[in-house]
Amino acid sequence: EATSQLVEMDLPSAIASVLAGHLGDRIHAAFSSNFAPLSAVFVRTEPGEVNASMKWHCDAGPSAHLKVLVYLNESGGATHFIERRHTELFKRIGYVFGPTEDRVDDDGLRRIAEAGGFVYRQERLYPFRGQAIVFEPGAVLHRGEAPTTGARLMFQLLLVPWIKPWYEFVAEYSDWIAGNIGAGFPKMDETGEGRNAA
C-alpha cells in the first residue's frame, strides 16, 4: 500500500512500490504485454486550486496507455469520469482533444451534450490514502477536483506497452523518466536497445 513515504524514496523505488505485485500483474494483464512507465511525477494540488486538469479532457498520447494516480494523503476532492461509450459521443462531435484553453467545466459539458442531442453518465471516485485509480486517459473523458481539507499529494504514472518488463525499463531510464513530463519516448537503436538514457 502506497503512503506519503513514497515521496521520500528515490524514483525507481517509488515506481517499484507501486508496480511490484498485484497492481503490476493486473496492468500486465490489461495490456497483454510487458509495460513501461514513460513518466512518473509527484503532483501537489492546493485546496481551491484551478488548473487545466480540472476541466473535462482526454490525454493525448499513445493509442494504448494507462494512467495511474496514487493518492498519498487524505485531502477530500475526487476524480470524475465519463464512461467510454459516452466519451465516444463527445469525440464524434469534436470535443475531447482540443486546445487546453477550450476545455469546459460541468455546465459546459452539459451544453455540448445537449447541442449534440445525447445524454451521458458521470462517475466520481473518492480515493483514500494509499488507493490508486488506473484508467485509459485517452479513451475516457476525465477531470480532477480540487482537494477540500488540505493539499493533495499524488504520485502519477503514465504506462505504455513495452517489449521489456517495467523494472528493466526503470533501471535503464530512471533519469529520463524523471524528466519526461508528457508522453515522449526514449531514443532507441535498431535493435530496440536504449541509448542516450540519461
Protein backbone atom coordinates (compact mmCIF):
# COMPACT_ATOMS: atom_id res chain seq x y z
CA GLU A 1 0.00 0.00 0.00
CA ALA A 2 1.44 3.35 -1.07
CA THR A 3 1.64 6.14 1.52
CA SER A 4 3.27 9.54 1.82
CA GLN A 5 6.56 7.66 2.46
CA LEU A 6 6.76 7.32 -1.33
CA VAL A 7 7.86 10.96 -1.50
CA GLU A 8 11.00 10.14 0.47
CA MET A 9 12.06 7.33 -1.87
CA ASP A 10 14.25 7.64 -4.94
CA LEU A 11 12.19 7.46 -8.13
CA PRO A 12 12.98 3.82 -9.06
CA SER A 13 11.98 2.70 -5.54
CA ALA A 14 8.77 4.73 -5.65
CA ILE A 15 7.84 3.23 -9.01
CA ALA A 16 8.63 -0.27 -7.76
CA SER A 17 6.50 0.21 -4.66
CA VAL A 18 3.51 0.88 -6.93
CA LEU A 19 4.10 -1.60 -9.76
CA ALA A 20 5.57 -4.61 -7.97
CA GLY A 21 2.96 -7.17 -7.01
CA HIS A 22 -0.79 -7.29 -7.62
CA LEU A 23 -1.23 -3.92 -9.36
CA GLY A 24 1.62 -4.59 -11.77
CA ASP A 25 0.18 -8.03 -12.53
CA ARG A 26 -3.22 -6.51 -13.33
CA ILE A 27 -1.67 -3.87 -15.58
CA HIS A 28 0.33 -6.56 -17.38
CA ALA A 29 -2.92 -8.46 -17.94
CA ALA A 30 -4.72 -5.33 -19.17
CA PHE A 31 -2.02 -4.67 -21.77
CA SER A 32 -1.46 -8.38 -22.50
CA SER A 33 2.22 -7.44 -22.59
CA ASN A 34 5.07 -6.01 -20.62
CA PHE A 35 4.81 -2.29 -20.00
CA ALA A 36 6.94 0.70 -19.08
CA PRO A 37 6.44 3.97 -17.17
CA LEU A 38 7.11 6.83 -19.60
CA SER A 39 6.55 9.38 -16.87
CA ALA A 40 6.41 9.35 -13.07
CA VAL A 41 5.82 12.57 -11.17
CA PHE A 42 4.63 13.75 -7.79
CA VAL A 43 1.77 16.25 -8.06
CA ARG A 44 0.72 18.62 -5.28
CA THR A 45 -2.68 20.33 -5.53
CA GLU A 46 -3.83 23.02 -3.11
CA PRO A 47 -7.44 23.47 -1.91
CA GLY A 48 -9.29 25.78 -4.27
CA GLU A 49 -6.65 25.43 -6.98
CA VAL A 50 -7.93 25.67 -10.52
CA ASN A 51 -5.92 24.30 -13.44
CA ALA A 52 -6.50 22.72 -16.86
CA SER A 53 -6.72 19.19 -15.42
CA MET A 54 -9.88 20.23 -13.56
CA LYS A 55 -11.79 20.73 -16.80
CA TRP A 56 -13.08 17.88 -18.96
CA HIS A 57 -10.48 16.34 -21.28
CA CYS A 58 -8.79 13.25 -22.60
CA ASP A 59 -5.00 12.99 -22.57
CA ALA A 60 -3.25 12.89 -25.91
CA GLY A 61 -0.65 10.15 -26.15
CA PRO A 62 -0.03 6.66 -27.49
CA SER A 63 -3.12 4.79 -28.65
CA ALA A 64 -2.69 2.30 -25.78
CA HIS A 65 -1.69 3.88 -22.50
CA LEU A 66 -2.79 3.87 -18.89
CA LYS A 67 -2.55 6.49 -16.19
CA VAL A 68 -2.09 5.51 -12.55
CA LEU A 69 -2.99 8.04 -9.86
CA VAL A 70 -1.78 7.02 -6.38
CA TYR A 71 -3.27 9.15 -3.61
CA LEU A 72 -0.73 9.73 -0.86
CA ASN A 73 -2.83 11.54 1.73
CA GLU A 74 -6.40 12.29 2.79
CA SER A 75 -7.44 15.64 1.33
CA GLY A 76 -11.01 15.42 0.03
CA GLY A 77 -11.85 16.05 -3.59
CA ALA A 78 -12.44 13.48 -6.31
CA THR A 79 -11.65 12.42 -9.84
CA HIS A 80 -14.54 12.48 -12.31
CA PHE A 81 -15.02 10.23 -15.34
CA ILE A 82 -17.37 9.86 -18.29
CA GLU A 83 -17.96 6.29 -19.47
CA ARG A 84 -16.03 5.25 -22.57
CA ARG A 85 -19.18 4.81 -24.70
CA HIS A 86 -20.32 8.32 -23.80
CA THR A 87 -16.82 9.73 -24.33
CA GLU A 88 -17.08 8.38 -27.88
CA LEU A 89 -20.16 10.55 -28.41
CA PHE A 90 -18.19 13.64 -27.40
CA LYS A 91 -15.34 12.59 -29.70
CA ARG A 92 -17.74 12.28 -32.64
CA ILE A 93 -18.86 15.89 -32.31
CA GLY A 94 -15.32 17.21 -31.93
CA TYR A 95 -14.87 17.69 -28.20
CA VAL A 96 -12.10 15.83 -26.40
CA PHE A 97 -8.65 16.63 -27.81
CA GLY A 98 -9.00 20.37 -28.44
CA PRO A 99 -6.75 23.13 -27.13
CA THR A 100 -6.30 23.24 -23.36
CA GLU A 101 -7.93 26.67 -23.17
CA ASP A 102 -11.10 25.25 -24.76
CA ARG A 103 -11.71 22.67 -22.02
CA VAL A 104 -15.05 23.07 -20.25
CA ASP A 105 -16.48 22.55 -16.76
CA ASP A 106 -19.58 20.51 -15.87
CA ASP A 107 -22.00 23.15 -17.20
CA GLY A 108 -20.10 23.46 -20.46
CA LEU A 109 -20.08 19.70 -20.96
CA ARG A 110 -23.84 19.55 -20.37
CA ARG A 111 -24.36 22.24 -23.01
CA ILE A 112 -22.19 20.36 -25.52
CA ALA A 113 -24.18 17.15 -24.93
CA GLU A 114 -27.49 18.98 -25.26
CA ALA A 115 -26.37 20.53 -28.55
CA GLY A 116 -25.29 17.07 -29.72
CA GLY A 117 -28.61 15.55 -28.70
CA PHE A 118 -27.31 12.93 -26.28
CA VAL A 119 -27.06 12.21 -22.57
CA TYR A 120 -24.06 10.87 -20.65
CA ARG A 121 -23.21 9.36 -17.31
CA GLN A 122 -20.63 10.86 -14.98
CA GLU A 123 -18.89 8.93 -12.21
CA ARG A 124 -16.96 10.37 -9.27
CA LEU A 125 -14.29 8.41 -7.42
CA TYR A 126 -13.19 9.48 -3.95
CA PRO A 127 -9.97 7.57 -3.28
CA PHE A 128 -8.48 7.26 0.19
CA ARG A 129 -4.83 7.46 1.13
CA GLY A 130 -2.91 4.59 -0.44
CA GLN A 131 -5.51 3.84 -3.08
CA ALA A 132 -4.82 4.06 -6.81
CA ILE A 133 -7.00 4.77 -9.81
CA VAL A 134 -5.95 3.15 -13.09
CA PHE A 135 -7.67 4.31 -16.27
CA GLU A 136 -7.25 4.94 -20.00
CA PRO A 137 -6.77 8.71 -20.17
CA GLY A 138 -7.05 8.87 -23.96
CA ALA A 139 -10.30 6.88 -24.02
CA VAL A 140 -12.38 8.36 -21.19
CA LEU A 141 -13.15 11.99 -20.51
CA HIS A 142 -12.00 12.90 -17.03
CA ARG A 143 -11.27 15.82 -14.77
CA GLY A 144 -9.80 16.42 -11.37
CA GLU A 145 -11.46 18.14 -8.45
CA ALA A 146 -9.55 20.34 -6.03
CA PRO A 147 -8.97 18.93 -2.54
CA THR A 148 -11.16 20.26 0.25
CA THR A 149 -9.37 19.53 3.53
CA GLY A 150 -5.72 20.27 2.70
CA ALA A 151 -3.15 19.93 -0.05
CA ARG A 152 -3.41 16.70 -2.04
CA LEU A 153 -0.25 14.78 -2.81
CA MET A 154 -0.43 12.27 -5.65
CA PHE A 155 2.05 10.05 -7.49
CA GLN A 156 1.16 9.88 -11.19
CA LEU A 157 2.48 7.34 -13.68
CA LEU A 158 1.95 7.09 -17.43
CA LEU A 159 2.29 3.50 -18.68
CA VAL A 160 2.58 2.07 -22.20
CA PRO A 161 3.07 -1.44 -23.60
CA TRP A 162 6.78 -2.23 -23.89
CA ILE A 163 8.89 -5.11 -25.09
CA LYS A 164 10.77 -5.48 -21.79
CA PRO A 165 9.49 -5.66 -18.19
CA TRP A 166 8.89 -2.34 -16.44
CA TYR A 167 11.71 -2.90 -13.92
CA GLU A 168 14.29 -3.25 -16.72
CA PHE A 169 12.99 -0.06 -18.32
CA VAL A 170 13.21 1.77 -14.97
CA ALA A 171 16.75 0.51 -14.35
CA GLU A 172 17.86 1.78 -17.75
CA TYR A 173 15.88 5.00 -17.99
CA SER A 174 15.23 6.32 -14.46
CA ASP A 175 16.85 9.71 -15.14
CA TRP A 176 14.93 10.03 -18.40
CA ILE A 177 11.62 9.09 -16.73
CA ALA A 178 12.12 11.79 -14.09
CA GLY A 179 12.42 14.50 -16.75
CA ASN A 180 9.72 13.25 -19.12
CA ILE A 181 6.66 15.29 -18.23
CA GLY A 182 4.41 14.04 -21.00
CA ALA A 183 4.32 11.14 -23.39
CA GLY A 184 7.70 11.21 -25.12
CA PHE A 185 9.69 8.07 -25.83
CA PRO A 186 13.38 7.41 -25.20
CA LYS A 187 15.66 7.15 -28.22
CA MET A 188 16.12 3.54 -29.38
CA ASP A 189 18.65 1.99 -31.72
CA GLU A 190 17.76 -0.51 -34.46
CA THR A 191 17.94 -3.44 -32.02
CA GLY A 192 15.36 -1.92 -29.68
CA GLU A 193 18.05 -1.22 -27.09
CA GLY A 194 18.03 2.17 -25.44
CA ARG A 195 20.60 4.87 -25.99
CA ASN A 196 21.09 8.33 -24.51
CA ALA A 197 19.22 7.11 -21.45
CA ALA A 198 20.28 9.93 -19.15
